[in-house]
Every structure is written in C-alpha cells, then in structure tokens.
Protein backbone atom coordinates (compact mmCIF):
# COMPACT_ATOMS: atom_id res chain seq x y z
CA MET A 1 -12.34 193.34 -177.81
CA ASN A 2 -9.59 192.09 -180.10
CA LYS A 3 -10.62 188.95 -182.01
CA ASP A 4 -7.01 188.35 -183.07
CA ASP A 5 -6.03 187.47 -179.49
CA LYS A 6 -7.57 185.00 -177.07
CA TYR A 7 -10.80 186.48 -175.80
CA ILE A 8 -13.62 185.73 -173.39
CA ILE A 9 -17.24 186.69 -173.98
CA THR A 10 -19.46 186.30 -170.94
CA ILE A 11 -23.23 186.40 -171.16
CA ASN A 12 -25.35 187.00 -168.12
CA ARG A 13 -29.04 186.62 -168.77
CA GLU A 14 -32.46 186.58 -167.24
CA LEU A 15 -34.40 183.34 -167.37
CA GLY A 16 -36.69 183.45 -170.39
CA SER A 17 -34.65 186.07 -172.26
CA GLY A 18 -33.08 183.54 -174.63
CA GLY A 19 -29.58 184.39 -173.44
CA ARG A 20 -28.29 180.83 -173.35
CA THR A 21 -29.39 180.14 -176.92
CA ILE A 22 -27.92 183.47 -178.01
CA GLY A 23 -24.62 182.54 -176.40
CA ARG A 24 -24.54 179.16 -178.13
CA LYS A 25 -25.34 180.69 -181.53
CA LEU A 26 -22.76 183.42 -180.99
CA ALA A 27 -20.09 180.83 -180.22
CA GLU A 28 -21.00 178.93 -183.39
CA LYS A 29 -20.69 182.10 -185.48
CA LEU A 30 -17.30 182.89 -183.95
CA GLY A 31 -16.07 179.31 -184.21
CA VAL A 32 -15.26 178.95 -180.50
CA GLU A 33 -16.42 176.71 -177.66
CA PHE A 34 -19.55 177.49 -175.64
CA TYR A 35 -19.70 176.76 -171.93
CA ASP A 36 -22.70 177.01 -169.65
CA LYS A 37 -23.91 175.58 -166.35
CA ALA A 38 -24.70 172.16 -167.82
CA LEU A 39 -21.27 171.67 -169.36
CA ILE A 40 -19.36 173.00 -166.34
CA LYS A 41 -21.43 170.71 -164.11
CA GLU A 42 -20.66 167.78 -166.42
CA LEU A 43 -16.96 168.46 -166.03
CA GLU A 44 -17.30 168.61 -162.26
CA ASP A 45 -19.32 165.41 -162.02
CA LYS A 46 -17.54 163.22 -164.59
CA PHE A 47 -14.02 164.11 -163.55
CA ASN A 48 -14.42 164.92 -159.87
CA LEU A 49 -13.25 168.49 -160.45
CA THR A 50 -13.66 169.63 -156.90
CA PHE A 51 -11.53 172.47 -155.61
CA GLU A 52 -9.19 169.92 -154.01
CA GLU A 53 -8.82 167.87 -157.19
CA ILE A 54 -8.09 170.97 -159.25
CA GLU A 55 -5.38 171.95 -156.78
CA LYS A 56 -3.81 168.51 -157.25
CA LEU A 57 -3.89 168.90 -161.04
CA LYS A 58 -2.31 172.34 -160.76
CA GLY A 59 0.46 170.85 -158.67
CA ARG A 60 1.28 168.35 -161.41
CA ASN A 61 1.20 170.75 -164.33
CA HIS A 62 1.31 174.53 -164.48
CA SER A 63 -0.97 174.35 -167.53
CA TRP A 64 -3.39 171.90 -165.96
CA TRP A 65 -6.37 172.87 -168.12
CA GLU A 66 -4.48 172.28 -171.38
CA ASP A 67 -3.42 168.85 -170.15
CA PHE A 68 -6.90 168.04 -168.88
CA LYS A 69 -8.53 169.22 -172.10
CA ARG A 70 -6.23 167.05 -174.20
CA ILE A 71 -6.87 163.92 -172.12
CA ALA A 72 -10.61 164.54 -171.84
CA ARG A 73 -10.78 165.30 -175.58
CA ILE A 74 -12.68 168.53 -175.04
CA GLY A 75 -13.19 170.33 -178.30
CA GLU A 76 -13.91 167.09 -180.18
CA GLY A 77 -17.66 167.24 -179.82
CA TRP A 78 -17.57 166.29 -176.16
CA GLY A 79 -20.55 168.45 -175.32
CA ALA A 80 -22.67 166.59 -177.86
CA GLY A 81 -22.35 163.29 -176.06
CA SER A 82 -19.10 161.99 -177.53
CA GLY A 83 -18.15 160.46 -174.21
CA LEU A 84 -15.31 161.71 -172.04
CA GLN A 85 -12.43 159.65 -170.72
CA TYR A 86 -10.09 160.84 -168.03
CA TYR A 87 -9.89 158.70 -164.94
CA GLN A 88 -12.21 156.66 -162.79
CA VAL A 89 -13.20 158.29 -159.54
CA ASP A 90 -13.19 156.22 -156.40
CA PRO A 91 -16.65 156.81 -154.86
CA VAL A 92 -15.25 156.25 -151.38
CA SER A 93 -12.87 159.20 -151.74
CA MET A 94 -15.53 161.59 -152.99
CA PRO A 95 -17.24 163.90 -150.51
CA ASP A 96 -20.94 163.25 -149.99
CA MET A 97 -21.76 166.83 -150.83
CA LEU A 98 -19.77 169.86 -151.94
CA THR A 99 -20.43 173.09 -150.12
CA THR A 100 -21.45 176.08 -152.18
CA ASP A 101 -18.11 177.72 -151.36
CA GLU A 102 -16.24 174.72 -152.79
CA ILE A 103 -18.40 174.70 -155.91
CA PHE A 104 -17.74 178.39 -156.51
CA LYS A 105 -13.98 177.89 -156.08
CA ALA A 106 -13.97 174.89 -158.42
CA GLU A 107 -16.02 176.66 -161.08
CA THR A 108 -13.82 179.75 -160.88
CA ASP A 109 -10.71 177.62 -161.43
CA ILE A 110 -12.35 175.78 -164.33
CA LEU A 111 -13.34 179.06 -165.97
CA GLN A 112 -9.90 180.56 -165.50
CA GLY A 113 -8.33 177.41 -166.91
CA ILE A 114 -10.51 177.70 -169.98
CA ALA A 115 -9.57 181.36 -170.46
CA GLU A 116 -5.85 180.58 -170.33
CA GLU A 117 -6.10 178.16 -173.24
CA GLU A 118 -8.79 179.30 -175.66
CA SER A 119 -11.26 181.90 -176.78
CA CYS A 120 -14.82 181.02 -175.79
CA VAL A 121 -18.31 182.17 -174.87
CA ILE A 122 -19.48 181.49 -171.31
CA ALA A 123 -23.08 181.82 -170.14
CA GLY A 124 -23.73 182.52 -166.47
CA ARG A 125 -21.60 181.06 -163.65
CA SER A 126 -20.75 184.61 -162.45
CA ALA A 127 -18.22 184.70 -165.28
CA PHE A 128 -18.80 188.42 -165.75
CA PHE A 129 -17.17 188.88 -162.33
CA VAL A 130 -14.51 186.18 -162.65
CA PHE A 131 -13.15 187.89 -165.79
CA ARG A 132 -13.76 191.49 -164.77
CA ASN A 133 -10.02 192.25 -165.04
CA HIS A 134 -9.33 190.13 -168.11
CA PRO A 135 -7.69 192.34 -170.78
CA ASN A 136 -9.75 190.90 -173.64
CA HIS A 137 -13.17 190.32 -172.13
CA LEU A 138 -16.58 191.38 -173.45
CA SER A 139 -19.34 191.30 -170.84
CA ILE A 140 -22.96 191.12 -172.04
CA LEU A 141 -26.31 191.16 -170.25
CA ILE A 142 -29.45 189.89 -172.01
CA GLN A 143 -32.68 191.12 -170.45
CA ALA A 144 -36.37 191.04 -171.38
CA SER A 145 -39.71 192.23 -170.07
CA LEU A 146 -41.61 189.93 -167.71
CA PRO A 147 -44.39 189.17 -170.26
CA PHE A 148 -41.74 188.18 -172.85
CA ARG A 149 -39.98 185.93 -170.33
CA ILE A 150 -43.22 184.30 -169.15
CA GLU A 151 -44.31 183.53 -172.70
CA ARG A 152 -40.95 182.01 -173.54
CA VAL A 153 -40.79 179.85 -170.40
CA MET A 154 -44.37 178.68 -171.02
CA ARG A 155 -43.47 177.67 -174.56
CA LYS A 156 -40.10 176.09 -173.78
CA GLN A 157 -41.10 174.23 -170.61
CA GLN A 158 -44.74 173.52 -171.50
CA VAL A 159 -46.08 175.02 -168.27
CA THR A 160 -48.91 177.34 -167.32
CA GLU A 161 -48.55 181.10 -167.02
CA GLU A 162 -48.65 180.88 -163.23
CA GLU A 163 -46.04 178.14 -163.16
CA ALA A 164 -43.80 180.13 -165.48
CA ARG A 165 -44.14 183.24 -163.33
CA LYS A 166 -43.26 181.34 -160.15
CA THR A 167 -40.27 179.70 -161.82
CA ILE A 168 -38.94 183.06 -163.00
CA GLU A 169 -39.38 184.62 -159.56
CA LYS A 170 -37.63 181.70 -157.87
CA VAL A 171 -34.69 181.62 -160.31
CA ASP A 172 -34.28 185.41 -160.25
CA LYS A 173 -34.05 185.42 -156.46
CA MET A 174 -31.71 182.43 -156.35
CA ARG A 175 -29.32 183.84 -158.95
CA GLU A 176 -29.26 187.31 -157.41
CA ASN A 177 -28.55 185.92 -153.94
CA TYR A 178 -25.76 183.74 -155.31
CA VAL A 179 -24.13 186.56 -157.26
CA MET A 180 -24.39 189.00 -154.36
CA LYS A 181 -22.84 186.48 -151.96
CA TYR A 182 -19.80 185.70 -154.10
CA THR A 183 -19.22 188.91 -156.03
CA GLY A 184 -20.56 191.64 -153.74
CA THR A 185 -22.42 193.19 -156.67
CA SER A 186 -25.84 192.84 -158.26
CA ARG A 187 -26.21 190.95 -161.51
CA TYR A 188 -28.56 193.75 -162.56
CA ASP A 189 -25.94 196.48 -162.12
CA THR A 190 -25.32 197.57 -165.70
CA ARG A 191 -21.87 198.88 -164.75
CA ASN A 192 -20.76 195.23 -164.81
CA TYR A 193 -21.38 194.99 -168.56
CA ASP A 194 -20.06 196.40 -171.82
CA LEU A 195 -23.30 195.69 -173.65
CA VAL A 196 -26.88 195.39 -172.38
CA ILE A 197 -29.55 194.14 -174.78
CA LYS A 198 -33.31 193.92 -174.32
CA ALA A 199 -34.60 190.84 -176.13
CA ASP A 200 -38.17 192.07 -176.69
CA GLY A 201 -39.07 192.38 -180.36
CA LYS A 202 -35.88 190.71 -181.56
CA THR A 203 -35.07 187.20 -182.71
CA GLU A 204 -32.10 185.32 -181.29
CA ASP A 205 -30.29 185.61 -184.60
CA GLU A 206 -30.88 189.36 -184.71
CA ILE A 207 -29.34 189.73 -181.26
CA VAL A 208 -26.37 187.59 -182.28
CA ASN A 209 -25.83 189.88 -185.27
CA MET A 210 -26.07 192.93 -182.99
CA ILE A 211 -23.31 191.50 -180.80
CA LEU A 212 -21.15 190.65 -183.81
CA SER A 213 -21.57 194.21 -185.11
CA TYR A 214 -20.57 195.57 -181.72
CA ILE A 215 -17.48 193.35 -181.66
CA ASN A 216 -16.45 194.40 -185.16
CA PHE A 217 -16.87 198.14 -184.62
CA ALA A 218 -16.33 198.75 -180.91
CA PRO A 219 -12.99 200.36 -180.01
CA GLU A 220 -10.52 198.22 -178.08
CA LYS A 221 -10.26 198.76 -174.34
CA ASP A 222 -7.19 200.53 -173.00
C-alpha cells in the first residue's frame, strides 16, 4: 500500500475482537476518516441516501460524493455530533422500508464515493469485497478466540456469559449469511485479506502498531 496516494484500508472483524476500536485508532494515527456501520447508516438516514437518491445525485454531478461531502460538512467533526445539513426529506416520498438489495447497493455507492475522494479506514460493510480490485487497498481481518470474544462482549455490553455467547453466535451467522449472499465468498476465507491478526494476548494499540509496521514495510502490490 502506498501512503502517498489515496488509499483504502478495510477491516473485517469478528464481534468481540476489538476490530472496530482498532480501526478507529488506526484512522486517528494515519490522520484519515473512519467509517463504520453507524456512520454509513447515519448518512443513509439523515440524507435519504437510498440507491435511487444516489443515482439522482450522480446524474447532477459526476463527482457527487465530493459535492455531497462539502454540503454535508463531512470531515468537520460530523461524526462527533456536529450536526449535518443537506436537505429536508419529504417523508411522503420516502419508501416505508428499504429492501436488503437496495441497502447493499446504496452502501456500495457510498463506499465507492468515499474512495474516490479521500483516504480512509472502513470497518465492515463488506468493504473488503467492494474494494477487492482497488489498486491501493489494504484488507485486514481481526479475529479472536471464542473465550476472548465472550469476555470482551460481557465487559462492553454488561451481559452474562450466556448472553454474550448467544449474541456472538447470532451476529456471526447473520454477518456470514449477508456476506455470502452479496459477495459469493466467506468472510472467513483468508484469501480475501492481506493481513490476518489474532487479537488474543494483544492490546488494541499493539495491534494498531502491528498494522502500521506492516504498512511501512510491506512491498507495494503490482
């Protein structure tokens, strides 16, 4: 990966591995934006970024994401609750419910729009697949043993061991089914990643430093 050009780092992770926090800290170290499910969902909800609305924006401007980002003031602390302003959505014109297909299409367009304009770190959202052919993309998988994941979920969510185990099983199945449906590959297939890290026995900061070392010393892709 060449840090001198626009780059995309995608982090796929198992629930309870700390992957989201690692992604956020990595983005902070690199001085780039961090995007995850919550922020992508906020964009979709606040600005009605359905597949159809994105197509309309594309029709108005070939660089629709740059224009949208400027108007929405993304990059000015928007993710920290600064308040976004774009346009008011007419509730009557909004569909009652987006299908999963429409959500995947909208998220893919949002991610691709981001990649055209800036370097960033993206957690989840099948981004490892969306950017599989990107010339300056680093794909990372963060894994951990089940006991490690259970302990972390118990601590973070203040739940019992049994509740944590059930949550992990449910999320694992849901994410795998989603990825298989839309990418035709397993999220556990290590061939989808440049770097696979097991979180056991390591702090989040240690893993961030491992990734930074990899970036600094890994040869560029052909």
